[in-house]
Amino acid sequence: MQVNEYHKPNSLDEAITLLRRTTPRTAILAGGTWLNGEAPRDIEAVVDIGGLGLNQIIRQSSPPLMRLGATATLQVLIESLRDVPGLDVLAITAHAMAARNIRNQATLGGAIVTADSSSPLVTALLACDAELVIQADEEHTVTLSGFLAYRQRMLVEGILITEIRVPIPSTNTRAVYQRVARTPRDYPIVCAVARCAMNNGIAGNVRVACGGVASTPIRLNAIEFALEKKLVAEHLDQAIHSAIGALTPQGDWLGSGEYRKETARVLVQRALAEAAGLPMRAGKHSV
């Protein structure tokens, strides 16, 4: 890398001013895992945001929210959320992102900004209704799905993610993560997260997200709408069939588009069935 400028701003305004310069090409330095491993070689300046106090994790009571600082490390995320019902899936998927040495360095904001197609953590954040607090000319919030859709444009404009807000669900909410990879320790090829609250077999607050079937993880809204306030056992198969049928994943060396599509169907079915407390049917839906 040809870095010849290092800045450590003392305020958000100073950081934004540096990031919005058109030249030299500037990148954010937080955990540094992407910057040291995969960043373009033409970056000439870095803005170290480690001194801005963006690493706090706060449990807010009204409204009930987990406020996750953008520079909180993945390991801190695991330790903070693993005992929070309905949000423990964020701890599980943060653990699935990398080995512990990397988790001690990599940040939540960095995981979102650099998210690839099958990011377990971003898939789980989508299913948990995550919103991003973004600092530009002024502070505003955007849904995670909205950010992912316009990520490159927003980053070019010099925005800074300061916080990720995740609603704390009701105590009867259960979230489940499913994945397929080459080995048990590998990064997933396809993954799915399903979350719902059950009442006498009827699902509420249904959320489903899938990774590995598009350029970034996506929410499967059609399944959510099809199952909301319905008996899951009666509507699950049809809801999944319709929604997965509309996917058009691209193939690569890890698997063809058809493999990814079929794997997504299986994983979503497993995740939803487990979240809803339904028994798995022997002999069906194997990968």
Protein backbone atom coordinates (compact mmCIF):
# COMPACT_ATOMS: atom_id res chain seq x y z
CA MET A 1 0.00 0.00 0.00
CA GLN A 2 1.08 3.56 -0.73
CA VAL A 3 -0.24 5.11 2.49
CA ASN A 4 1.47 8.41 3.23
CA GLU A 5 -1.19 10.06 5.43
CA TYR A 6 -2.38 8.87 8.83
CA HIS A 7 -5.09 10.82 10.66
CA LYS A 8 -6.61 10.18 14.09
CA PRO A 9 -9.47 12.68 14.44
CA ASN A 10 -10.84 13.79 17.81
CA SER A 11 -14.41 14.39 16.60
CA LEU A 12 -16.94 12.96 14.18
CA ASP A 13 -16.98 16.21 12.22
CA GLU A 14 -13.23 16.04 11.70
CA ALA A 15 -13.47 12.39 10.61
CA ILE A 16 -16.25 13.13 8.10
CA THR A 17 -14.30 16.05 6.65
CA LEU A 18 -11.33 13.79 6.04
CA LEU A 19 -13.43 10.99 4.57
CA ARG A 20 -15.26 13.29 2.14
CA ARG A 21 -12.12 14.48 0.41
CA THR A 22 -11.97 13.49 -3.23
CA THR A 23 -8.19 13.08 -3.08
CA PRO A 24 -6.15 11.34 -1.87
CA ARG A 25 -8.05 8.06 -1.80
CA THR A 26 -8.90 7.57 1.87
CA ALA A 27 -10.03 4.59 3.93
CA ILE A 28 -11.27 4.11 7.48
CA LEU A 29 -8.96 2.34 9.91
CA ALA A 30 -10.81 0.55 12.71
CA GLY A 31 -9.92 -3.10 13.29
CA GLY A 32 -7.71 -3.10 10.21
CA THR A 33 -8.45 -6.68 9.08
CA TRP A 34 -9.86 -5.62 5.69
CA LEU A 35 -7.41 -2.77 5.26
CA ASN A 36 -4.39 -5.00 5.81
CA GLY A 37 -5.74 -7.97 3.87
CA GLU A 38 -8.01 -6.99 1.02
CA ALA A 39 -8.03 -3.20 0.56
CA PRO A 40 -7.14 -1.73 -2.86
CA ARG A 41 -3.47 -0.97 -3.20
CA ASP A 42 -4.07 2.63 -4.27
CA ILE A 43 -5.26 3.84 -0.84
CA GLU A 44 -3.04 6.74 0.16
CA ALA A 45 -4.59 7.93 3.45
CA VAL A 46 -6.24 6.32 6.46
CA VAL A 47 -8.52 7.81 9.09
CA ASP A 48 -8.18 6.03 12.43
CA ILE A 49 -11.56 6.21 14.22
CA GLY A 50 -10.36 4.33 17.29
CA GLY A 51 -10.44 7.46 19.43
CA LEU A 52 -14.06 8.45 18.78
CA GLY A 53 -15.66 6.27 21.47
CA LEU A 54 -17.69 4.19 19.02
CA ASN A 55 -17.03 0.85 20.72
CA GLN A 56 -19.70 0.88 23.43
CA ILE A 57 -22.51 -1.65 23.71
CA ILE A 58 -25.54 -0.25 25.52
CA ARG A 59 -28.77 -1.98 26.49
CA GLN A 60 -31.53 0.63 26.27
CA SER A 61 -34.79 0.04 28.11
CA SER A 62 -37.18 2.46 26.38
CA PRO A 63 -37.63 1.59 23.63
CA PRO A 64 -35.89 -1.76 24.20
CA LEU A 65 -32.80 -1.66 22.00
CA MET A 66 -29.28 -2.99 21.88
CA ARG A 67 -27.08 -0.11 20.72
CA LEU A 68 -23.94 -1.62 19.28
CA GLY A 69 -21.00 0.67 18.64
CA ALA A 70 -19.54 0.35 15.15
CA THR A 71 -16.00 -0.24 16.42
CA ALA A 72 -17.00 -2.91 18.96
CA THR A 73 -15.07 -6.06 18.09
CA LEU A 74 -16.77 -9.28 17.07
CA GLN A 75 -15.49 -10.98 20.23
CA VAL A 76 -17.00 -8.28 22.45
CA LEU A 77 -20.24 -8.71 20.50
CA ILE A 78 -20.22 -12.43 21.30
CA GLU A 79 -19.62 -11.84 24.99
CA SER A 80 -22.31 -9.15 25.21
CA LEU A 81 -25.14 -10.89 23.34
CA ARG A 82 -24.80 -14.61 23.89
CA ASP A 83 -27.25 -14.55 26.83
CA VAL A 84 -29.81 -12.17 25.29
CA PRO A 85 -32.87 -14.21 24.15
CA GLY A 86 -33.66 -13.66 20.48
CA LEU A 87 -30.36 -11.85 19.90
CA ASP A 88 -28.05 -14.72 20.86
CA VAL A 89 -28.02 -15.56 17.15
CA LEU A 90 -25.83 -12.47 16.66
CA ALA A 91 -23.27 -13.98 19.03
CA ILE A 92 -23.46 -17.32 17.21
CA THR A 93 -22.96 -15.76 13.78
CA ALA A 94 -20.22 -13.40 14.98
CA HIS A 95 -18.38 -16.50 16.15
CA ALA A 96 -18.86 -18.03 12.68
CA MET A 97 -17.14 -15.09 10.98
CA ALA A 98 -13.52 -15.92 11.83
CA ALA A 99 -11.11 -17.44 14.32
CA ARG A 100 -10.70 -15.75 17.69
CA ASN A 101 -7.52 -13.82 16.85
CA ILE A 102 -9.38 -12.10 14.02
CA ARG A 103 -12.54 -11.64 16.12
CA ASN A 104 -10.49 -9.76 18.70
CA GLN A 105 -9.54 -7.26 16.02
CA ALA A 106 -12.38 -7.13 13.45
CA THR A 107 -15.18 -4.66 14.16
CA LEU A 108 -18.94 -4.82 13.71
CA GLY A 109 -18.99 -1.80 11.40
CA GLY A 110 -16.21 -3.28 9.31
CA ALA A 111 -18.10 -6.56 8.98
CA ILE A 112 -21.09 -4.66 7.59
CA VAL A 113 -19.16 -2.40 5.23
CA THR A 114 -17.18 -5.30 3.74
CA ALA A 115 -19.97 -7.91 3.87
CA ASP A 116 -19.83 -10.51 1.13
CA SER A 117 -22.63 -12.66 -0.23
CA SER A 118 -22.73 -15.18 2.60
CA SER A 119 -21.74 -13.18 5.70
CA PRO A 120 -23.28 -15.04 8.68
CA LEU A 121 -23.35 -11.95 10.90
CA VAL A 122 -24.95 -9.65 8.34
CA THR A 123 -27.52 -12.35 7.55
CA ALA A 124 -28.42 -12.48 11.25
CA LEU A 125 -28.50 -8.67 11.56
CA LEU A 126 -31.01 -8.55 8.70
CA ALA A 127 -33.23 -11.06 10.49
CA CYS A 128 -32.96 -8.97 13.67
CA ASP A 129 -34.24 -5.76 12.02
CA ALA A 130 -30.93 -3.93 12.40
CA GLU A 131 -30.72 -0.22 11.63
CA LEU A 132 -27.54 1.77 11.11
CA VAL A 133 -26.85 5.19 12.55
CA ILE A 134 -24.90 7.06 9.89
CA GLN A 135 -23.00 10.31 10.20
CA ALA A 136 -22.66 12.47 7.09
CA ASP A 137 -23.73 16.11 6.89
CA GLU A 138 -26.05 15.17 9.74
CA GLU A 139 -26.94 12.04 11.68
CA HIS A 140 -29.64 9.79 10.29
CA THR A 141 -30.71 6.15 10.42
CA VAL A 142 -31.11 3.68 7.58
CA THR A 143 -32.18 0.05 7.52
CA LEU A 144 -29.40 -2.45 7.00
CA SER A 145 -31.06 -3.73 3.82
CA GLY A 146 -31.25 -0.17 2.50
CA PHE A 147 -27.56 0.37 3.23
CA LEU A 148 -26.56 -2.86 1.49
CA ALA A 149 -28.56 -1.89 -1.60
CA TYR A 150 -26.72 1.46 -1.95
CA ARG A 151 -23.52 0.63 -0.10
CA GLN A 152 -20.98 1.66 -2.72
CA ARG A 153 -22.67 4.98 -3.43
CA MET A 154 -22.93 5.84 0.26
CA LEU A 155 -19.31 4.93 0.97
CA VAL A 156 -18.07 7.05 -1.91
CA GLU A 157 -19.95 9.98 -0.39
CA GLY A 158 -17.84 9.63 2.78
CA ILE A 159 -20.36 8.42 5.36
CA LEU A 160 -19.39 6.91 8.70
CA ILE A 161 -21.40 4.23 10.51
CA THR A 162 -21.37 5.09 14.20
CA GLU A 163 -23.88 2.66 15.71
CA ILE A 164 -26.02 -0.36 14.92
CA ARG A 165 -29.40 -0.52 16.65
CA VAL A 166 -31.20 -3.82 17.11
CA PRO A 167 -34.63 -4.08 18.78
CA ILE A 168 -34.74 -6.45 21.76
CA PRO A 169 -37.50 -8.96 20.99
CA SER A 170 -40.01 -10.49 23.36
CA THR A 171 -38.69 -13.25 25.60
CA ASN A 172 -40.57 -15.98 23.69
CA THR A 173 -38.73 -15.14 20.45
CA ARG A 174 -36.34 -17.74 19.12
CA ALA A 175 -33.75 -17.26 16.39
CA VAL A 176 -31.93 -20.09 14.57
CA TYR A 177 -28.85 -20.09 12.33
CA GLN A 178 -28.27 -22.78 9.71
CA ARG A 179 -25.40 -23.11 7.27
CA VAL A 180 -23.61 -25.36 4.79
CA ALA A 181 -19.85 -25.21 4.25
CA ARG A 182 -17.07 -27.40 2.87
CA THR A 183 -16.02 -28.42 6.39
CA PRO A 184 -17.50 -27.79 9.85
CA ARG A 185 -15.00 -24.95 10.46
CA ASP A 186 -15.27 -23.25 7.07
CA TYR A 187 -17.02 -20.03 6.16
CA PRO A 188 -20.53 -20.83 4.83
CA ILE A 189 -21.39 -21.33 1.19
CA VAL A 190 -25.06 -20.70 1.98
CA CYS A 191 -26.59 -19.73 5.33
CA ALA A 192 -29.99 -18.82 6.72
CA VAL A 193 -31.39 -17.21 9.87
CA ALA A 194 -35.03 -17.49 10.92
CA ARG A 195 -36.64 -15.79 13.88
CA CYS A 196 -40.20 -15.83 15.23
CA ALA A 197 -42.34 -15.79 18.36
CA MET A 198 -44.82 -18.65 18.67
CA ASN A 199 -48.24 -18.76 20.32
CA ASN A 200 -50.20 -22.01 20.03
CA GLY A 201 -48.53 -22.83 16.71
CA ILE A 202 -49.15 -19.36 15.27
CA ALA A 203 -46.09 -17.34 14.31
CA GLY A 204 -45.55 -13.67 15.02
CA ASN A 205 -42.74 -11.27 14.15
CA VAL A 206 -41.44 -13.67 11.51
CA ARG A 207 -38.06 -12.75 10.08
CA VAL A 208 -36.06 -14.74 7.54
CA ALA A 209 -32.74 -13.86 5.92
CA CYS A 210 -30.47 -15.84 3.64
CA GLY A 211 -26.83 -15.50 2.61
CA GLY A 212 -25.08 -16.94 -0.42
CA VAL A 213 -27.92 -16.45 -2.92
CA ALA A 214 -27.34 -12.83 -4.01
CA SER A 215 -24.52 -10.29 -4.04
CA THR A 216 -25.19 -9.61 -0.34
CA PRO A 217 -27.35 -11.38 2.26
CA ILE A 218 -31.05 -10.66 1.74
CA ARG A 219 -34.33 -10.70 3.65
CA LEU A 220 -36.94 -13.15 2.35
CA ASN A 221 -39.94 -10.90 2.89
CA ALA A 222 -42.32 -13.14 0.95
CA ILE A 223 -41.86 -15.94 3.49
CA GLU A 224 -42.36 -13.52 6.37
CA PHE A 225 -45.63 -12.21 4.93
CA ALA A 226 -46.85 -15.74 4.14
CA LEU A 227 -46.31 -17.01 7.70
CA GLU A 228 -47.17 -13.98 9.84
CA LYS A 229 -50.13 -14.72 12.14
CA LYS A 230 -50.60 -18.15 10.60
CA LEU A 231 -50.19 -21.75 11.69
CA VAL A 232 -46.63 -22.46 10.63
CA ALA A 233 -47.12 -26.21 10.27
CA GLU A 234 -49.84 -25.65 7.64
CA HIS A 235 -48.20 -22.91 5.58
CA LEU A 236 -44.44 -23.50 5.87
CA ASP A 237 -43.83 -25.61 2.77
CA GLN A 238 -45.83 -23.40 0.41
CA ALA A 239 -44.30 -20.20 1.76
CA ILE A 240 -40.77 -21.52 1.22
CA HIS A 241 -41.54 -22.99 -2.21
CA SER A 242 -42.87 -19.67 -3.54
CA ALA A 243 -40.12 -17.47 -2.12
CA ILE A 244 -37.13 -19.68 -2.95
CA GLY A 245 -38.48 -20.27 -6.45
CA ALA A 246 -38.02 -16.58 -7.19
CA LEU A 247 -34.30 -16.58 -6.33
CA THR A 248 -31.70 -16.54 -9.11
CA PRO A 249 -28.31 -17.07 -7.44
CA GLN A 250 -25.12 -17.05 -9.48
CA GLY A 251 -22.85 -20.06 -9.44
CA ASP A 252 -19.13 -20.09 -8.66
CA TRP A 253 -16.39 -22.55 -7.75
CA LEU A 254 -18.16 -23.37 -4.48
CA GLY A 255 -21.44 -24.36 -6.09
CA SER A 256 -23.76 -23.81 -9.02
CA GLY A 257 -26.72 -21.47 -8.91
CA GLU A 258 -29.07 -24.44 -8.67
CA TYR A 259 -27.08 -25.91 -5.79
CA ARG A 260 -27.24 -22.62 -3.89
CA LYS A 261 -30.97 -22.32 -4.52
CA GLU A 262 -31.76 -25.83 -3.34
CA THR A 263 -29.46 -25.46 -0.34
CA ALA A 264 -31.19 -22.22 0.60
CA ARG A 265 -34.55 -23.99 0.50
CA VAL A 266 -33.32 -26.70 2.84
CA LEU A 267 -31.63 -24.33 5.28
CA VAL A 268 -34.58 -21.94 5.47
CA GLN A 269 -36.92 -24.87 6.10
CA ARG A 270 -34.67 -26.18 8.88
CA ALA A 271 -34.22 -22.79 10.50
CA LEU A 272 -37.93 -21.96 10.47
CA ALA A 273 -38.97 -25.39 11.70
CA GLU A 274 -36.52 -25.20 14.60
CA ALA A 275 -37.47 -21.62 15.48
CA ALA A 276 -41.14 -22.59 15.46
CA GLY A 277 -40.55 -25.76 17.48
CA LEU A 278 -41.69 -28.10 14.71
CA PRO A 279 -40.27 -31.62 14.40
CA MET A 280 -37.98 -32.25 11.46
CA ARG A 281 -39.35 -34.79 9.02
CA ALA A 282 -37.05 -37.75 8.57
CA GLY A 283 -35.84 -38.43 5.06
CA LYS A 284 -36.68 -35.00 3.68
CA HIS A 285 -34.75 -31.80 3.09
CA SER A 286 -31.21 -33.15 3.23
CA VAL A 287 -28.08 -31.40 1.98
